[in-house]
Protein backbone atom coordinates (compact mmCIF):
# COMPACT_ATOMS: atom_id res chain seq x y z
CA MET A 1 3.55 -12.49 3.92
CA PRO A 2 3.54 -10.90 0.47
CA GLU A 3 6.01 -8.10 -0.23
CA GLN A 4 3.17 -5.72 -1.18
CA ASP A 5 1.85 -6.03 2.38
CA ILE A 6 5.23 -4.80 3.62
CA GLU A 7 5.04 -1.69 1.47
CA ASP A 8 1.48 -1.06 2.63
CA ALA A 9 2.64 -1.31 6.25
CA ILE A 10 5.52 1.13 5.71
CA HIS A 11 3.27 3.57 3.86
CA ALA A 12 0.82 3.39 6.79
CA HIS A 13 3.69 4.03 9.21
CA ALA A 14 4.88 7.08 7.24
CA ARG A 15 1.34 8.46 6.95
CA SER A 16 0.86 8.08 10.71
CA ILE A 17 4.02 10.14 11.30
CA ILE A 18 2.84 12.88 8.94
CA ALA A 19 -0.59 12.91 10.61
CA GLY A 20 0.99 13.16 14.04
CA ASP A 21 -0.55 9.84 15.11
CA ILE A 22 2.37 8.86 17.31
CA GLY A 23 0.47 5.94 18.84
CA ALA A 24 0.01 4.29 15.44
CA ALA A 25 3.64 4.97 14.54
CA ILE A 26 4.86 3.39 17.78
CA ARG A 27 2.60 0.34 17.36
CA SER A 28 4.25 -0.30 13.97
CA MET A 29 7.70 -0.53 15.58
CA THR A 30 9.55 -2.89 17.86
CA PRO A 31 11.05 -1.42 21.05
CA GLU A 32 14.47 -1.49 19.32
CA GLY A 33 13.03 0.28 16.28
CA LEU A 34 11.52 2.96 18.49
CA ALA A 35 14.83 3.45 20.30
CA THR A 36 16.79 3.89 17.07
CA SER A 37 14.15 6.23 15.64
CA MET A 38 14.38 8.43 18.75
CA ALA A 39 18.14 8.68 18.19
CA VAL A 40 17.65 9.98 14.63
CA GLY A 41 17.16 13.59 15.56
CA ASN A 42 14.89 16.54 16.08
CA THR A 43 11.31 15.53 16.85
CA THR A 44 10.02 19.09 16.35
CA TRP A 45 10.29 18.91 12.55
CA ASN A 46 7.04 19.37 10.66
CA ILE A 47 6.91 16.53 8.16
CA THR A 48 4.79 17.29 5.11
CA SER A 49 5.37 14.39 2.71
CA TYR A 50 7.55 11.39 1.99
CA ASP A 51 8.96 9.25 -0.79
CA LEU A 52 9.48 5.53 -0.25
CA SER A 53 11.64 3.08 -2.18
CA ALA A 54 12.55 -0.54 -1.57
CA GLY A 55 16.17 -1.07 -0.56
CA GLY A 56 16.38 -4.85 -0.87
CA ARG A 57 16.72 -7.65 1.65
CA ASP A 58 19.17 -8.52 4.38
CA GLY A 59 18.46 -12.04 5.60
CA ASP A 60 14.91 -12.07 6.99
CA ASP A 61 14.77 -8.27 7.02
CA TYR A 62 13.52 -5.95 4.30
CA LEU A 63 15.14 -2.55 3.82
CA PHE A 64 13.31 0.59 2.77
CA ASP A 65 14.70 4.03 2.01
CA ILE A 66 12.39 6.87 2.92
CA VAL A 67 12.87 10.58 2.39
CA TYR A 68 10.68 12.79 4.54
CA GLU A 69 10.15 16.39 3.40
CA THR A 70 10.18 18.65 6.45
CA ASP A 71 10.11 22.36 7.23
CA LEU A 72 13.88 22.06 7.80
CA GLY A 73 14.66 20.21 4.57
CA GLN A 74 14.90 16.55 3.68
CA MET A 75 15.39 13.81 6.24
CA ARG A 76 16.70 10.60 4.64
CA LEU A 77 16.21 7.37 6.59
CA ARG A 78 16.67 3.65 6.09
CA TYR A 79 14.08 1.41 7.72
CA ARG A 80 14.74 -2.23 8.54
CA VAL A 81 11.45 -4.16 8.59
CA ARG A 82 10.72 -7.68 9.83
CA ASP A 83 7.72 -9.96 10.29
CA VAL A 84 7.13 -10.08 14.06
CA ASP A 85 4.35 -12.48 15.02
CA GLY A 86 2.53 -11.94 11.73
CA GLU A 87 2.87 -8.14 11.63
CA TRP A 88 5.41 -6.04 9.72
CA LYS A 89 7.38 -3.97 12.23
CA VAL A 90 10.11 -1.38 11.87
CA THR A 91 13.05 -2.86 13.80
CA ASP A 92 15.71 -0.25 13.05
CA VAL A 93 15.89 3.33 11.73
CA GLN A 94 19.14 4.87 10.55
CA ARG A 95 19.83 8.33 9.16
CA GLN A 96 21.24 8.34 5.64
CA PRO A 97 23.51 11.00 4.10
């Protein structure tokens, strides 16, 4: 799958979070990715925008750094993304300093 498709998938994921479309956000994640995203923190934040940048590769995984702007300040995350049965899925979410 082309790398541009990965970015499109991550942008769609971020937009679904901003729109409050939790179903779409969950569908773009593996169960492990969902579990790590739930451990990130406060789910009551109001997210208003985001900035996405590619963070490179780690084996078969692609890394993306995303900064969400929220009503409580910035939330910096690193997404690990992998092709799962022909779809790009977030497999891990970690908070960044």
